[in-house]
Protein backbone atom coordinates (compact mmCIF):
# COMPACT_ATOMS: atom_id res chain seq x y z
CA UNK A 1 2.55 56.18 23.51
CA UNK A 2 3.23 53.34 21.05
CA UNK A 3 6.87 52.81 20.12
CA UNK A 4 6.36 53.92 16.50
CA UNK A 5 4.61 57.14 17.55
CA UNK A 6 7.36 57.84 20.10
CA UNK A 7 10.06 57.36 17.45
CA UNK A 8 8.17 59.62 15.06
CA UNK A 9 8.02 62.38 17.68
CA UNK A 10 11.77 62.03 18.38
CA UNK A 11 12.52 62.33 14.65
CA UNK A 12 10.30 65.39 14.19
CA UNK A 13 11.90 67.03 17.24
CA UNK A 14 15.41 66.30 15.89
CA UNK A 15 14.58 67.74 12.46
CA UNK A 16 13.27 70.90 14.16
CA UNK A 17 16.43 71.10 16.27
CA UNK A 18 18.50 71.01 13.05
CA UNK A 19 16.16 73.59 11.42
CA UNK A 20 15.27 71.14 8.65
CA UNK A 21 12.09 72.01 6.73
CA UNK A 22 9.84 69.03 7.45
CA UNK A 23 6.28 68.01 8.13
CA UNK A 24 4.16 65.01 9.09
CA UNK A 25 2.55 63.54 5.97
CA UNK A 26 -1.00 62.27 6.32
CA UNK A 27 -2.69 59.91 3.91
CA UNK A 28 -5.99 58.11 4.08
CA UNK A 29 -9.64 58.28 3.24
CA UNK A 30 -12.44 60.28 4.82
CA UNK A 31 -16.00 60.69 3.68
CA UNK A 32 -15.33 58.78 0.48
CA UNK A 33 -12.47 61.11 -0.48
CA UNK A 34 -8.86 59.90 -0.60
CA UNK A 35 -6.05 62.25 0.34
CA UNK A 36 -2.32 61.90 0.05
CA UNK A 37 -0.54 59.29 -2.07
CA UNK A 38 -0.58 55.60 -1.20
CA UNK A 39 2.75 54.55 0.24
CA UNK A 40 3.83 58.11 1.04
CA UNK A 41 6.27 58.35 3.96
CA UNK A 42 5.25 59.46 7.44
CA UNK A 43 7.55 62.48 7.41
CA UNK A 44 8.69 64.65 4.52
CA UNK A 45 11.88 66.72 4.82
CA UNK A 46 13.76 68.88 2.35
CA UNK A 47 17.53 68.92 2.84
CA UNK A 48 19.75 70.84 0.45
CA UNK A 49 16.84 71.07 -2.00
CA UNK A 50 16.33 67.30 -1.99
CA UNK A 51 13.06 65.60 -0.99
CA UNK A 52 13.72 63.13 1.82
CA UNK A 53 10.88 60.75 2.66
CA UNK A 54 11.08 59.19 6.12
CA UNK A 55 8.97 56.12 6.84
CA UNK A 56 8.86 55.40 10.57
CA UNK A 57 8.52 51.77 11.60
CA UNK A 58 8.68 49.91 14.87
CA UNK A 59 11.57 47.42 14.92
CA UNK A 60 9.20 44.66 13.81
CA UNK A 61 7.07 46.89 11.55
CA UNK A 62 6.43 45.75 7.98
CA UNK A 63 6.97 47.98 4.95
CA UNK A 64 3.99 47.65 2.60
CA UNK A 65 4.21 47.03 -1.15
CA UNK A 66 2.83 50.57 -1.71
CA UNK A 67 5.64 51.98 0.44
CA UNK A 68 8.29 50.07 -1.53
CA UNK A 69 6.77 51.36 -4.78
CA UNK A 70 6.73 54.94 -3.49
CA UNK A 71 10.38 54.60 -2.42
CA UNK A 72 11.36 53.32 -5.86
CA UNK A 73 9.52 56.14 -7.65
CA UNK A 74 10.93 58.80 -5.32
CA UNK A 75 14.50 57.61 -5.75
CA UNK A 76 14.09 57.47 -9.56
CA UNK A 77 13.00 61.12 -9.37
CA UNK A 78 16.13 62.07 -7.40
CA UNK A 79 14.71 61.97 -3.88
CA UNK A 80 15.80 59.91 -0.92
CA UNK A 81 13.64 57.42 1.01
CA UNK A 82 14.60 56.33 4.51
CA UNK A 83 13.08 53.70 6.76
CA UNK A 84 13.65 54.73 10.37
CA UNK A 85 13.43 51.95 12.97
CA UNK A 86 15.91 53.22 15.55
CA UNK A 87 16.50 56.80 16.71
CA UNK A 88 20.27 56.55 17.17
CA UNK A 89 20.75 55.09 13.69
CA UNK A 90 18.37 57.66 12.19
CA UNK A 91 20.26 60.52 13.85
CA UNK A 92 23.55 59.26 12.44
CA UNK A 93 22.06 58.85 8.94
CA UNK A 94 20.32 62.23 8.88
CA UNK A 95 23.43 64.02 10.18
CA UNK A 96 25.43 62.52 7.29
CA UNK A 97 22.78 63.70 4.80
CA UNK A 98 22.76 67.21 6.30
CA UNK A 99 26.55 67.36 6.23
CA UNK A 100 26.60 66.44 2.51
CA UNK A 101 23.95 69.04 1.64
């Protein structure tokens, strides 16, 4: 399993463990039809009524311009956008967000 996919699974499992409403967000194009929004995060969670977008990247993964734009728009709308590159750091960050909620 590639490192990014492994990290994504760990994050999804942790969110389930904490009973956080969340789901894997899919975007792309199939049969000439686009679905999802360009730059949307890999995982969407709702914590304390707040949309939390989680983009999962390998340690050397590159955030695309569309992902930066999505993050900016989401944060302007009151949501939170996280880039997760390391499970231990993500766990610490998400626990702090849950505690504040």
